Amino acid sequence: MPGQRVVTIGLLPEAVDFSKFPGLDAEKLMAGIAAQTAELRAEGFDTHVCLTDAGATAEAVVTQMLQDLTPDVIVFGAGVRTSPEHLLLFERLLNLAHRLAPQAALCFNTTPTDSLAAVRRWAA
């Protein structure tokens, strides 16, 4: 529903192993995120991007974003949840979202270009 606050959580390009995502590189990732953010905003969603490293500051960065914004929907990017080496990070961030934003619907994209579809599935 337009007007809802959306937070998308993903990895900074330097934290992504692009060999696991054929055809994707840092430039394409950032362009996809920018395009999807613009598309969500054009649909009326108050959208904020939260990119983090894969460890040292991830929880602090996500905590700050969730405390500052009180999101209605949280999108977890494919990079943070599909790579086996990020499983523990994904679990920590998912539980953090559950604890800090229990009102938020949680959804998942498959690429940087399908976040709008994910949000539409769960926006109330």
PDB file of N, CA and C in Angstrom:
ATOM      1  N   MET A   1       0.843  -1.165   0.000  1.00  0.00           N
ATOM      2  CA  MET A   1       0.000   0.000   0.000  1.00  0.00           C
ATOM      3  C   MET A   1       0.894   1.236   0.000  1.00  0.00           C
ATOM      4  N   PRO A   2       0.677   2.122  -0.916  1.00  0.00           N
ATOM      5  CA  PRO A   2       1.465   3.349  -0.968  1.00  0.00           C
ATOM      6  C   PRO A   2       1.423   4.091   0.362  1.00  0.00           C
ATOM      7  N   GLY A   3       2.499   4.791   0.661  1.00  0.00           N
ATOM      8  CA  GLY A   3       2.619   5.510   1.912  1.00  0.00           C
ATOM      9  C   GLY A   3       3.335   4.716   2.988  1.00  0.00           C
ATOM     10  N   GLN A   4       3.454   3.425   2.780  1.00  0.00           N
ATOM     11  CA  GLN A   4       4.148   2.616   3.772  1.00  0.00           C
ATOM     12  C   GLN A   4       5.655   2.828   3.682  1.00  0.00           C
ATOM     13  N   ARG A   5       6.302   2.664   4.821  1.00  0.00           N
ATOM     14  CA  ARG A   5       7.759   2.802   4.885  1.00  0.00           C
ATOM     15  C   ARG A   5       8.395   1.441   4.619  1.00  0.00           C
ATOM     16  N   VAL A   6       9.311   1.440   3.661  1.00  0.00           N
ATOM     17  CA  VAL A   6      10.012   0.224   3.252  1.00  0.00           C
ATOM     18  C   VAL A   6      11.501   0.396   3.502  1.00  0.00           C
ATOM     19  N   VAL A   7      12.117  -0.612   4.121  1.00  0.00           N
ATOM     20  CA  VAL A   7      13.567  -0.647   4.280  1.00  0.00           C
ATOM     21  C   VAL A   7      14.069  -1.863   3.522  1.00  0.00           C
ATOM     22  N   THR A   8      15.012  -1.643   2.622  1.00  0.00           N
ATOM     23  CA  THR A   8      15.644  -2.762   1.930  1.00  0.00           C
ATOM     24  C   THR A   8      17.027  -2.973   2.539  1.00  0.00           C
ATOM     25  N   ILE A   9      17.302  -4.223   2.899  1.00  0.00           N
ATOM     26  CA  ILE A   9      18.578  -4.561   3.532  1.00  0.00           C
ATOM     27  C   ILE A   9      19.391  -5.405   2.562  1.00  0.00           C
ATOM     28  N   GLY A  10      20.606  -4.960   2.314  1.00  0.00           N
ATOM     29  CA  GLY A  10      21.483  -5.684   1.404  1.00  0.00           C
ATOM     30  C   GLY A  10      22.933  -5.465   1.761  1.00  0.00           C
ATOM     31  N   LEU A  11      23.781  -6.052   0.965  1.00  0.00           N
ATOM     32  CA  LEU A  11      25.218  -5.954   1.185  1.00  0.00           C
ATOM     33  C   LEU A  11      25.833  -4.846   0.341  1.00  0.00           C
ATOM     34  N   LEU A  12      26.813  -4.191   0.917  1.00  0.00           N
ATOM     35  CA  LEU A  12      27.625  -3.260   0.145  1.00  0.00           C
ATOM     36  C   LEU A  12      28.305  -4.030  -0.979  1.00  0.00           C
ATOM     37  N   PRO A  13      28.528  -3.419  -2.121  1.00  0.00           N
ATOM     38  CA  PRO A  13      29.158  -4.143  -3.237  1.00  0.00           C
ATOM     39  C   PRO A  13      30.469  -4.825  -2.860  1.00  0.00           C
ATOM     40  N   GLU A  14      31.269  -4.184  -2.010  1.00  0.00           N
ATOM     41  CA  GLU A  14      32.548  -4.794  -1.649  1.00  0.00           C
ATOM     42  C   GLU A  14      32.392  -6.041  -0.783  1.00  0.00           C
ATOM     43  N   ALA A  15      31.202  -6.308  -0.275  1.00  0.00           N
ATOM     44  CA  ALA A  15      30.949  -7.506   0.530  1.00  0.00           C
ATOM     45  C   ALA A  15      30.353  -8.651  -0.291  1.00  0.00           C
ATOM     46  N   VAL A  16      30.122  -8.415  -1.578  1.00  0.00           N
ATOM     47  CA  VAL A  16      29.470  -9.409  -2.436  1.00  0.00           C
ATOM     48  C   VAL A  16      30.512 -10.179  -3.239  1.00  0.00           C
ATOM     49  N   ASP A  17      30.364 -11.490  -3.260  1.00  0.00           N
ATOM     50  CA  ASP A  17      31.181 -12.352  -4.115  1.00  0.00           C
ATOM     51  C   ASP A  17      30.429 -12.474  -5.444  1.00  0.00           C
ATOM     52  N   PHE A  18      30.783 -11.626  -6.394  1.00  0.00           N
ATOM     53  CA  PHE A  18      30.043 -11.570  -7.653  1.00  0.00           C
ATOM     54  C   PHE A  18      30.214 -12.824  -8.503  1.00  0.00           C
ATOM     55  N   SER A  19      31.175 -13.675  -8.190  1.00  0.00           N
ATOM     56  CA  SER A  19      31.317 -14.928  -8.941  1.00  0.00           C
ATOM     57  C   SER A  19      30.099 -15.828  -8.734  1.00  0.00           C
ATOM     58  N   LYS A  20      29.350 -15.604  -7.680  1.00  0.00           N
ATOM     59  CA  LYS A  20      28.144 -16.399  -7.402  1.00  0.00           C
ATOM     60  C   LYS A  20      26.907 -15.841  -8.086  1.00  0.00           C
ATOM     61  N   PHE A  21      27.054 -14.677  -8.702  1.00  0.00           N
ATOM     62  CA  PHE A  21      25.937 -14.026  -9.383  1.00  0.00           C
ATOM     63  C   PHE A  21      26.371 -13.663 -10.801  1.00  0.00           C
ATOM     64  N   PRO A  22      26.377 -14.647 -11.704  1.00  0.00           N
ATOM     65  CA  PRO A  22      26.836 -14.396 -13.081  1.00  0.00           C
ATOM     66  C   PRO A  22      26.111 -13.207 -13.718  1.00  0.00           C
ATOM     67  N   GLY A  23      26.894 -12.377 -14.364  1.00  0.00           N
ATOM     68  CA  GLY A  23      26.335 -11.220 -15.050  1.00  0.00           C
ATOM     69  C   GLY A  23      26.139 -10.008 -14.156  1.00  0.00           C
ATOM     70  N   LEU A  24      26.428 -10.151 -12.870  1.00  0.00           N
ATOM     71  CA  LEU A  24      26.257  -9.040 -11.940  1.00  0.00           C
ATOM     72  C   LEU A  24      27.625  -8.540 -11.483  1.00  0.00           C
ATOM     73  N   ASP A  25      27.760  -7.243 -11.371  1.00  0.00           N
ATOM     74  CA  ASP A  25      28.972  -6.650 -10.815  1.00  0.00           C
ATOM     75  C   ASP A  25      28.527  -5.476  -9.944  1.00  0.00           C
ATOM     76  N   ALA A  26      29.480  -4.812  -9.319  1.00  0.00           N
ATOM     77  CA  ALA A  26      29.154  -3.735  -8.392  1.00  0.00           C
ATOM     78  C   ALA A  26      28.343  -2.628  -9.059  1.00  0.00           C
ATOM     79  N   GLU A  27      28.728  -2.248 -10.259  1.00  0.00           N
ATOM     80  CA  GLU A  27      28.019  -1.186 -10.966  1.00  0.00           C
ATOM     81  C   GLU A  27      26.575  -1.576 -11.270  1.00  0.00           C
ATOM     82  N   LYS A  28      26.385  -2.798 -11.752  1.00  0.00           N
ATOM     83  CA  LYS A  28      25.021  -3.266 -12.055  1.00  0.00           C
ATOM     84  C   LYS A  28      24.198  -3.408 -10.785  1.00  0.00           C
ATOM     85  N   LEU A  29      24.829  -3.875  -9.703  1.00  0.00           N
ATOM     86  CA  LEU A  29      24.124  -4.007  -8.434  1.00  0.00           C
ATOM     87  C   LEU A  29      23.607  -2.647  -7.978  1.00  0.00           C
ATOM     88  N   MET A  30      24.480  -1.660  -7.954  1.00  0.00           N
ATOM     89  CA  MET A  30      24.077  -0.333  -7.483  1.00  0.00           C
ATOM     90  C   MET A  30      23.047   0.306  -8.410  1.00  0.00           C
ATOM     91  N   ALA A  31      23.192   0.089  -9.703  1.00  0.00           N
ATOM     92  CA  ALA A  31      22.204   0.616 -10.653  1.00  0.00           C
ATOM     93  C   ALA A  31      20.847  -0.051 -10.431  1.00  0.00           C
ATOM     94  N   GLY A  32      20.854  -1.349 -10.180  1.00  0.00           N
ATOM     95  CA  GLY A  32      19.607  -2.069  -9.916  1.00  0.00           C
ATOM     96  C   GLY A  32      18.937  -1.596  -8.637  1.00  0.00           C
ATOM     97  N   ILE A  33      19.735  -1.383  -7.598  1.00  0.00           N
ATOM     98  CA  ILE A  33      19.191  -0.892  -6.333  1.00  0.00           C
ATOM     99  C   ILE A  33      18.607   0.507  -6.523  1.00  0.00           C
ATOM    100  N   ALA A  34      19.336   1.371  -7.224  1.00  0.00           N
ATOM    101  CA  ALA A  34      18.847   2.728  -7.462  1.00  0.00           C
ATOM    102  C   ALA A  34      17.551   2.720  -8.271  1.00  0.00           C
ATOM    103  N   ALA A  35      17.504   1.888  -9.301  1.00  0.00           N
ATOM    104  CA  ALA A  35      16.302   1.813 -10.135  1.00  0.00           C
ATOM    105  C   ALA A  35      15.118   1.276  -9.345  1.00  0.00           C
ATOM    106  N   GLN A  36      15.364   0.247  -8.537  1.00  0.00           N
ATOM    107  CA  GLN A  36      14.272  -0.335  -7.768  1.00  0.00           C
ATOM    108  C   GLN A  36      13.790   0.632  -6.690  1.00  0.00           C
ATOM    109  N   THR A  37      14.704   1.352  -6.080  1.00  0.00           N
ATOM    110  CA  THR A  37      14.323   2.352  -5.084  1.00  0.00           C
ATOM    111  C   THR A  37      13.464   3.431  -5.734  1.00  0.00           C
ATOM    112  N   ALA A  38      13.868   3.881  -6.899  1.00  0.00           N
ATOM    113  CA  ALA A  38      13.082   4.889  -7.625  1.00  0.00           C
ATOM    114  C   ALA A  38      11.703   4.348  -7.984  1.00  0.00           C
ATOM    115  N   GLU A  39      11.645   3.089  -8.396  1.00  0.00           N
ATOM    116  CA  GLU A  39      10.355   2.486  -8.755  1.00  0.00           C
ATOM    117  C   GLU A  39       9.440   2.374  -7.530  1.00  0.00           C
ATOM    118  N   LEU A  40       9.986   1.947  -6.408  1.00  0.00           N
ATOM    119  CA  LEU A  40       9.190   1.863  -5.178  1.00  0.00           C
ATOM    120  C   LEU A  40       8.677   3.242  -4.773  1.00  0.00           C
ATOM    121  N   ARG A  41       9.543   4.237  -4.856  1.00  0.00           N
ATOM    122  CA  ARG A  41       9.130   5.601  -4.497  1.00  0.00           C
ATOM    123  C   ARG A  41       8.072   6.122  -5.461  1.00  0.00           C
ATOM    124  N   ALA A  42       8.214   5.802  -6.738  1.00  0.00           N
ATOM    125  CA  ALA A  42       7.220   6.226  -7.734  1.00  0.00           C
ATOM    126  C   ALA A  42       5.855   5.592  -7.456  1.00  0.00           C
ATOM    127  N   GLU A  43       5.860   4.428  -6.842  1.00  0.00           N
ATOM    128  CA  GLU A  43       4.614   3.743  -6.464  1.00  0.00           C
ATOM    129  C   GLU A  43       4.059   4.271  -5.149  1.00  0.00           C
ATOM    130  N   GLY A  44       4.782   5.213  -4.527  1.00  0.00           N
ATOM    131  CA  GLY A  44       4.297   5.844  -3.305  1.00  0.00           C
ATOM    132  C   GLY A  44       4.845   5.270  -2.015  1.00  0.00           C
ATOM    133  N   PHE A  45       5.815   4.358  -2.088  1.00  0.00           N
ATOM    134  CA  PHE A  45       6.412   3.790  -0.885  1.00  0.00           C
ATOM    135  C   PHE A  45       7.555   4.686  -0.406  1.00  0.00           C
ATOM    136  N   ASP A  46       7.591   4.944   0.895  1.00  0.00           N
ATOM    137  CA  ASP A  46       8.663   5.707   1.522  1.00  0.00           C
ATOM    138  C   ASP A  46       9.830   4.742   1.714  1.00  0.00           C
ATOM    139  N   THR A  47      10.751   4.715   0.762  1.00  0.00           N
ATOM    140  CA  THR A  47      11.762   3.663   0.667  1.00  0.00           C
ATOM    141  C   THR A  47      13.142   4.132   1.104  1.00  0.00           C
ATOM    142  N   HIS A  48      13.801   3.276   1.889  1.00  0.00           N
ATOM    143  CA  HIS A  48      15.144   3.554   2.405  1.00  0.00           C
ATOM    144  C   HIS A  48      16.013   2.326   2.195  1.00  0.00           C
ATOM    145  N   VAL A  49      17.229   2.539   1.737  1.00  0.00           N
ATOM    146  CA  VAL A  49      18.169   1.453   1.462  1.00  0.00           C
ATOM    147  C   VAL A  49      19.169   1.366   2.602  1.00  0.00           C
ATOM    148  N   CYS A  50      19.376   0.158   3.095  1.00  0.00           N
ATOM    149  CA  CYS A  50      20.339  -0.099   4.165  1.00  0.00           C
ATOM    150  C   CYS A  50      21.349  -1.127   3.654  1.00  0.00           C
ATOM    151  N   LEU A  51      22.511  -0.637   3.236  1.00  0.00           N
ATOM    152  CA  LEU A  51      23.571  -1.526   2.764  1.00  0.00           C
ATOM    153  C   LEU A  51      24.627  -1.641   3.851  1.00  0.00           C
ATOM    154  N   THR A  52      25.113  -2.857   4.040  1.00  0.00           N
ATOM    155  CA  THR A  52      26.051  -3.109   5.120  1.00  0.00           C
ATOM    156  C   THR A  52      27.162  -4.041   4.688  1.00  0.00           C
ATOM    157  N   ASP A  53      28.168  -4.146   5.526  1.00  0.00           N
ATOM    158  CA  ASP A  53      29.221  -5.120   5.267  1.00  0.00           C
ATOM    159  C   ASP A  53      28.692  -6.502   5.646  1.00  0.00           C
ATOM    160  N   ALA A  54      29.545  -7.491   5.560  1.00  0.00           N
ATOM    161  CA  ALA A  54      29.103  -8.867   5.843  1.00  0.00           C
ATOM    162  C   ALA A  54      29.410  -9.292   7.270  1.00  0.00           C
ATOM    163  N   GLY A  55      29.732  -8.363   8.142  1.00  0.00           N
ATOM    164  CA  GLY A  55      30.037  -8.804   9.483  1.00  0.00           C
ATOM    165  C   GLY A  55      30.220  -7.732  10.522  1.00  0.00           C
ATOM    166  N   ALA A  56      31.346  -7.071  10.522  1.00  0.00           N
ATOM    167  CA  ALA A  56      31.775  -6.218  11.637  1.00  0.00           C
ATOM    168  C   ALA A  56      30.740  -5.187  12.072  1.00  0.00           C
ATOM    169  N   THR A  57      30.133  -4.488  11.146  1.00  0.00           N
ATOM    170  CA  THR A  57      29.195  -3.424  11.522  1.00  0.00           C
ATOM    171  C   THR A  57      27.755  -3.715  11.090  1.00  0.00           C
ATOM    172  N   ALA A  58      27.506  -4.867  10.524  1.00  0.00           N
ATOM    173  CA  ALA A  58      26.183  -5.165   9.956  1.00  0.00           C
ATOM    174  C   ALA A  58      25.050  -4.957  10.951  1.00  0.00           C
ATOM    175  N   GLU A  59      25.170  -5.544  12.113  1.00  0.00           N
ATOM    176  CA  GLU A  59      24.075  -5.443  13.082  1.00  0.00           C
ATOM    177  C   GLU A  59      23.869  -4.005  13.566  1.00  0.00           C
ATOM    178  N   ALA A  60      24.945  -3.278  13.783  1.00  0.00           N
ATOM    179  CA  ALA A  60      24.824  -1.892  14.235  1.00  0.00           C
ATOM    180  C   ALA A  60      24.166  -1.020  13.172  1.00  0.00           C
ATOM    181  N   VAL A  61      24.542  -1.219  11.922  1.00  0.00           N
ATOM    182  CA  VAL A  61      23.975  -0.422  10.822  1.00  0.00           C
ATOM    183  C   VAL A  61      22.479  -0.714  10.676  1.00  0.00           C
ATOM    184  N   VAL A  62      22.116  -1.984  10.685  1.00  0.00           N
ATOM    185  CA  VAL A  62      20.700  -2.358  10.537  1.00  0.00           C
ATOM    186  C   VAL A  62      19.904  -1.912  11.761  1.00  0.00           C
ATOM    187  N   THR A  63      20.470  -2.076  12.949  1.00  0.00           N
ATOM    188  CA  THR A  63      19.783  -1.627  14.169  1.00  0.00           C
ATOM    189  C   THR A  63      19.455  -0.150  14.077  1.00  0.00           C
ATOM    190  N   GLN A  64      20.424   0.653  13.699  1.00  0.00           N
ATOM    191  CA  GLN A  64      20.195   2.099  13.613  1.00  0.00           C
ATOM    192  C   GLN A  64      19.093   2.425  12.618  1.00  0.00           C
ATOM    193  N   MET A  65      19.127   1.793  11.456  1.00  0.00           N
ATOM    194  CA  MET A  65      18.111   2.054  10.426  1.00  0.00           C
ATOM    195  C   MET A  65      16.717   1.665  10.927  1.00  0.00           C
ATOM    196  N   LEU A  66      16.594   0.509  11.537  1.00  0.00           N
ATOM    197  CA  LEU A  66      15.277   0.042  11.988  1.00  0.00           C
ATOM    198  C   LEU A  66      14.753   0.887  13.146  1.00  0.00           C
ATOM    199  N   GLN A  67      15.630   1.317  14.027  1.00  0.00           N
ATOM    200  CA  GLN A  67      15.203   2.174  15.139  1.00  0.00           C
ATOM    201  C   GLN A  67      14.805   3.561  14.652  1.00  0.00           C
ATOM    202  N   ASP A  68      15.495   4.065  13.650  1.00  0.00           N
ATOM    203  CA  ASP A  68      15.205   5.403  13.140  1.00  0.00           C
ATOM    204  C   ASP A  68      13.916   5.456  12.323  1.00  0.00           C
ATOM    205  N   LEU A  69      13.563   4.357  11.664  1.00  0.00           N
ATOM    206  CA  LEU A  69      12.503   4.436  10.657  1.00  0.00           C
ATOM    207  C   LEU A  69      11.197   3.710  10.966  1.00  0.00           C
ATOM    208  N   THR A  70      11.185   2.737  11.833  1.00  0.00           N
ATOM    209  CA  THR A  70       9.986   1.945  12.113  1.00  0.00           C
ATOM    210  C   THR A  70       9.304   1.516  10.804  1.00  0.00           C
ATOM    211  N   PRO A  71       9.910   0.590  10.081  1.00  0.00           N
ATOM    212  CA  PRO A  71       9.380   0.209   8.766  1.00  0.00           C
ATOM    213  C   PRO A  71       8.093  -0.618   8.842  1.00  0.00           C
ATOM    214  N   ASP A  72       7.320  -0.522   7.761  1.00  0.00           N
ATOM    215  CA  ASP A  72       6.138  -1.369   7.595  1.00  0.00           C
ATOM    216  C   ASP A  72       6.494  -2.655   6.856  1.00  0.00           C
ATOM    217  N   VAL A  73       7.499  -2.560   5.992  1.00  0.00           N
ATOM    218  CA  VAL A  73       7.957  -3.704   5.199  1.00  0.00           C
ATOM    219  C   VAL A  73       9.483  -3.683   5.173  1.00  0.00           C
ATOM    220  N   ILE A  74      10.086  -4.857   5.351  1.00  0.00           N
ATOM    221  CA  ILE A  74      11.531  -4.997   5.256  1.00  0.00           C
ATOM    222  C   ILE A  74      11.830  -6.005   4.164  1.00  0.00           C
ATOM    223  N   VAL A  75      12.639  -5.592   3.196  1.00  0.00           N
ATOM    224  CA  VAL A  75      13.053  -6.462   2.098  1.00  0.00           C
ATOM    225  C   VAL A  75      14.481  -6.920   2.379  1.00  0.00           C
ATOM    226  N   PHE A  76      14.692  -8.227   2.388  1.00  0.00           N
ATOM    227  CA  PHE A  76      16.041  -8.783   2.508  1.00  0.00           C
ATOM    228  C   PHE A  76      16.522  -9.142   1.118  1.00  0.00           C
ATOM    229  N   GLY A  77      17.646  -8.563   0.728  1.00  0.00           N
ATOM    230  CA  GLY A  77      18.207  -8.808  -0.592  1.00  0.00           C
ATOM    231  C   GLY A  77      18.774 -10.208  -0.736  1.00  0.00           C
ATOM    232  N   ALA A  78      18.801 -10.670  -1.969  1.00  0.00           N
ATOM    233  CA  ALA A  78      19.289 -12.018  -2.270  1.00  0.00           C
ATOM    234  C   ALA A  78      20.738 -12.199  -1.854  1.00  0.00           C
ATOM    235  N   GLY A  79      21.553 -11.155  -1.968  1.00  0.00           N
ATOM    236  CA  GLY A  79      22.964 -11.285  -1.626  1.00  0.00           C
ATOM    237  C   GLY A  79      23.204 -11.620  -0.173  1.00  0.00           C
ATOM    238  N   VAL A  80      22.341 -11.130   0.704  1.00  0.00           N
ATOM    239  CA  VAL A  80      22.523 -11.370   2.135  1.00  0.00           C
ATOM    240  C   VAL A  80      21.926 -12.711   2.557  1.00  0.00           C
ATOM    241  N   ARG A  81      21.068 -13.298   1.750  1.00  0.00           N
ATOM    242  CA  ARG A  81      20.388 -14.511   2.207  1.00  0.00           C
ATOM    243  C   ARG A  81      20.624 -15.756   1.369  1.00  0.00           C
ATOM    244  N   THR A  82      21.202 -15.632   0.191  1.00  0.00           N
ATOM    245  CA  THR A  82      21.335 -16.819  -0.661  1.00  0.00           C
ATOM    246  C   THR A  82      22.716 -17.453  -0.663  1.00  0.00           C
ATOM    247  N   SER A  83      23.707 -16.741  -0.192  1.00  0.00           N
ATOM    248  CA  SER A  83      25.064 -17.293  -0.168  1.00  0.00           C
ATOM    249  C   SER A  83      25.289 -18.027   1.153  1.00  0.00           C
ATOM    250  N   PRO A  84      25.681 -19.296   1.086  1.00  0.00           N
ATOM    251  CA  PRO A  84      25.880 -20.064   2.321  1.00  0.00           C
ATOM    252  C   PRO A  84      26.809 -19.395   3.326  1.00  0.00           C
ATOM    253  N   GLU A  85      27.821 -18.673   2.855  1.00  0.00           N
ATOM    254  CA  GLU A  85      28.738 -18.029   3.792  1.00  0.00           C
ATOM    255  C   GLU A  85      28.084 -16.889   4.570  1.00  0.00           C
ATOM    256  N   HIS A  86      26.910 -16.449   4.132  1.00  0.00           N
ATOM    257  CA  HIS A  86      26.203 -15.382   4.833  1.00  0.00           C
ATOM    258  C   HIS A  86      25.028 -15.890   5.666  1.00  0.00           C
ATOM    259  N   LEU A  87      24.914 -17.192   5.831  1.00  0.00           N
ATOM    260  CA  LEU A  87      23.781 -17.754   6.568  1.00  0.00           C
ATOM    261  C   LEU A  87      23.669 -17.168   7.976  1.00  0.00           C
ATOM    262  N   LEU A  88      24.754 -17.163   8.732  1.00  0.00           N
ATOM    263  CA  LEU A  88      24.692 -16.643  10.102  1.00  0.00           C
ATOM    264  C   LEU A  88      24.372 -15.159  10.119  1.00  0.00           C
ATOM    265  N   LEU A  89      24.913 -14.412   9.173  1.00  0.00           N
ATOM    266  CA  LEU A  89      24.583 -12.995   9.062  1.00  0.00           C
ATOM    267  C   LEU A  89      23.093 -12.826   8.790  1.00  0.00           C
ATOM    268  N   PHE A  90      22.571 -13.588   7.858  1.00  0.00           N
ATOM    269  CA  PHE A  90      21.148 -13.507   7.533  1.00  0.00           C
ATOM    270  C   PHE A  90      20.297 -13.830   8.761  1.00  0.00           C
ATOM    271  N   GLU A  91      20.646 -14.886   9.484  1.00  0.00           N
ATOM    272  CA  GLU A  91      19.896 -15.231  10.691  1.00  0.00           C
ATOM    273  C   GLU A  91      19.937 -14.096  11.711  1.00  0.00           C
ATOM    274  N   ARG A  92      21.119 -13.507  11.920  1.00  0.00           N
ATOM    275  CA  ARG A  92      21.237 -12.410  12.885  1.00  0.00           C
ATOM    276  C   ARG A  92      20.383 -11.214  12.457  1.00  0.00           C
ATOM    277  N   LEU A  93      20.435 -10.873  11.177  1.00  0.00           N
ATOM    278  CA  LEU A  93      19.675  -9.717  10.699  1.00  0.00           C
ATOM    279  C   LEU A  93      18.176  -9.983  10.706  1.00  0.00           C
ATOM    280  N   LEU A  94      17.785 -11.194  10.374  1.00  0.00           N
ATOM    281  CA  LEU A  94      16.369 -11.554  10.394  1.00  0.00           C
ATOM    282  C   LEU A  94      15.827 -11.485  11.820  1.00  0.00           C
ATOM    283  N   ASN A  95      16.557 -12.021  12.774  1.00  0.00           N
ATOM    284  CA  ASN A  95      16.122 -11.964  14.167  1.00  0.00           C
ATOM    285  C   ASN A  95      16.147 -10.546  14.712  1.00  0.00           C
ATOM    286  N   LEU A  96      17.092  -9.754  14.257  1.00  0.00           N
ATOM    287  CA  LEU A  96      17.147  -8.352  14.629  1.00  0.00           C
ATOM    288  C   LEU A  96      15.897  -7.630  14.127  1.00  0.00           C
ATOM    289  N   ALA A  97      15.530  -7.863  12.883  1.00  0.00           N
ATOM    290  CA  ALA A  97      14.323  -7.251  12.321  1.00  0.00           C
ATOM    291  C   ALA A  97      13.082  -7.705  13.088  1.00  0.00           C
ATOM    292  N   HIS A  98      13.024  -8.962  13.414  1.00  0.00           N
ATOM    293  CA  HIS A  98      11.888  -9.504  14.160  1.00  0.00           C
ATOM    294  C   HIS A  98      11.771  -8.826  15.537  1.00  0.00           C
ATOM    295  N   ARG A  99      12.899  -8.608  16.184  1.00  0.00           N
ATOM    296  CA  ARG A  99      12.915  -8.014  17.520  1.00  0.00           C
ATOM    297  C   ARG A  99      12.645  -6.499  17.481  1.00  0.00           C
ATOM    298  N   LEU A 100      13.261  -5.791  16.546  1.00  0.00           N
ATOM    299  CA  LEU A 100      13.164  -4.333  16.519  1.00  0.00           C
ATOM    300  C   LEU A 100      11.974  -3.796  15.730  1.00  0.00           C
ATOM    301  N   ALA A 101      11.456  -4.597  14.819  1.00  0.00           N
ATOM    302  CA  ALA A 101      10.333  -4.134  13.980  1.00  0.00           C
ATOM    303  C   ALA A 101       9.306  -5.256  13.841  1.00  0.00           C
ATOM    304  N   PRO A 102       8.731  -5.700  14.965  1.00  0.00           N
ATOM    305  CA  PRO A 102       7.801  -6.831  14.903  1.00  0.00           C
ATOM    306  C   PRO A 102       6.551  -6.556  14.076  1.00  0.00           C
ATOM    307  N   GLN A 103       6.238  -5.282  13.859  1.00  0.00           N
ATOM    308  CA  GLN A 103       5.069  -4.926  13.063  1.00  0.00           C
ATOM    309  C   GLN A 103       5.324  -5.045  11.565  1.00  0.00           C
ATOM    310  N   ALA A 104       6.586  -5.135  11.170  1.00  0.00           N
ATOM    311  CA  ALA A 104       6.943  -5.103   9.751  1.00  0.00           C
ATOM    312  C   ALA A 104       6.741  -6.454   9.079  1.00  0.00           C
ATOM    313  N   ALA A 105       6.212  -6.407   7.882  1.00  0.00           N
ATOM    314  CA  ALA A 105       6.177  -7.599   7.039  1.00  0.00           C
ATOM    315  C   ALA A 105       7.584  -7.818   6.503  1.00  0.00           C
ATOM    316  N   LEU A 106       7.983  -9.069   6.391  1.00  0.00           N
ATOM    317  CA  LEU A 106       9.303  -9.408   5.865  1.00  0.00           C
ATOM    318  C   LEU A 106       9.121 -10.025   4.491  1.00  0.00           C
ATOM    319  N   CYS A 107       9.949  -9.599   3.544  1.00  0.00           N
ATOM    320  CA  CYS A 107       9.870 -10.169   2.209  1.00  0.00           C
ATOM    321  C   CYS A 107      11.266 -10.272   1.613  1.00  0.00           C
ATOM    322  N   PHE A 108      11.363 -10.956   0.492  1.00  0.00           N
ATOM    323  CA  PHE A 108      12.656 -11.291  -0.084  1.00  0.00           C
ATOM    324  C   PHE A 108      12.629 -11.063  -1.590  1.00  0.00           C
ATOM    325  N   ASN A 109      13.690 -10.423  -2.084  1.00  0.00           N
ATOM    326  CA  ASN A 109      13.811 -10.303  -3.532  1.00  0.00           C
ATOM    327  C   ASN A 109      14.750 -11.382  -4.044  1.00  0.00           C
ATOM    328  N   THR A 110      14.804 -11.539  -5.358  1.00  0.00           N
ATOM    329  CA  THR A 110      15.715 -12.525  -5.947  1.00  0.00           C
ATOM    330  C   THR A 110      16.838 -11.849  -6.717  1.00  0.00           C
ATOM    331  N   THR A 111      16.632 -10.592  -7.088  1.00  0.00           N
ATOM    332  CA  THR A 111      17.639  -9.779  -7.776  1.00  0.00           C
ATOM    333  C   THR A 111      17.431  -8.335  -7.325  1.00  0.00           C
ATOM    334  N   PRO A 112      18.356  -7.451  -7.654  1.00  0.00           N
ATOM    335  CA  PRO A 112      18.150  -6.050  -7.285  1.00  0.00           C
ATOM    336  C   PRO A 112      16.997  -5.397  -8.045  1.00  0.00           C
ATOM    337  N   THR A 113      16.377  -6.118  -8.946  1.00  0.00           N
ATOM    338  CA  THR A 113      15.324  -5.506  -9.768  1.00  0.00           C
ATOM    339  C   THR A 113      13.914  -5.984  -9.446  1.00  0.00           C
ATOM    340  N   ASP A 114      13.740  -6.867  -8.468  1.00  0.00           N
ATOM    341  CA  ASP A 114      12.370  -7.331  -8.208  1.00  0.00           C
ATOM    342  C   ASP A 114      11.879  -7.042  -6.791  1.00  0.00           C
ATOM    343  N   SER A 115      12.431  -6.009  -6.171  1.00  0.00           N
ATOM    344  CA  SER A 115      11.981  -5.632  -4.827  1.00  0.00           C
ATOM    345  C   SER A 115      10.547  -5.133  -4.826  1.00  0.00           C
ATOM    346  N   LEU A 116      10.132  -4.425  -5.862  1.00  0.00           N
ATOM    347  CA  LEU A 116       8.759  -3.933  -5.918  1.00  0.00           C
ATOM    348  C   LEU A 116       7.769  -5.090  -5.872  1.00  0.00           C
ATOM    349  N   ALA A 117       8.033  -6.137  -6.600  1.00  0.00           N
ATOM    350  CA  ALA A 117       7.152  -7.311  -6.582  1.00  0.00           C
ATOM    351  C   ALA A 117       7.104  -7.917  -5.183  1.00  0.00           C
ATOM    352  N   ALA A 118       8.256  -7.979  -4.511  1.00  0.00           N
ATOM    353  CA  ALA A 118       8.303  -8.518  -3.149  1.00  0.00           C
ATOM    354  C   ALA A 118       7.483  -7.651  -2.192  1.00  0.00           C
ATOM    355  N   VAL A 119       7.641  -6.350  -2.294  1.00  0.00           N
ATOM    356  CA  VAL A 119       6.900  -5.435  -1.419  1.00  0.00           C
ATOM    357  C   VAL A 119       5.415  -5.526  -1.689  1.00  0.00           C
ATOM    358  N   ARG A 120       5.028  -5.584  -2.940  1.00  0.00           N
ATOM    359  CA  ARG A 120       3.595  -5.683  -3.275  1.00  0.00           C
ATOM    360  C   ARG A 120       2.955  -6.934  -2.687  1.00  0.00           C
ATOM    361  N   ARG A 121       3.741  -8.018  -2.570  1.00  0.00           N
ATOM    362  CA  ARG A 121       3.192  -9.262  -1.998  1.00  0.00           C
ATOM    363  C   ARG A 121       2.787  -9.073  -0.542  1.00  0.00           C
ATOM    364  N   TRP A 122       3.472  -8.171   0.186  1.00  0.00           N
ATOM    365  CA  TRP A 122       3.288  -8.094   1.630  1.00  0.00           C
ATOM    366  C   TRP A 122       2.826  -6.750   2.160  1.00  0.00           C
ATOM    367  N   ALA A 123       2.813  -5.724   1.346  1.00  0.00           N
ATOM    368  CA  ALA A 123       2.332  -4.424   1.818  1.00  0.00           C
ATOM    369  C   ALA A 123       0.844  -4.529   2.105  1.00  0.00           C
ATOM    370  N   ALA A 124       0.449  -4.077   3.272  1.00  0.00           N
ATOM    371  CA  ALA A 124      -0.963  -4.192   3.679  1.00  0.00           C
ATOM    372  C   ALA A 124      -1.793  -3.086   3.103  1.00  0.00           C
TER     373      ALA A 124
END
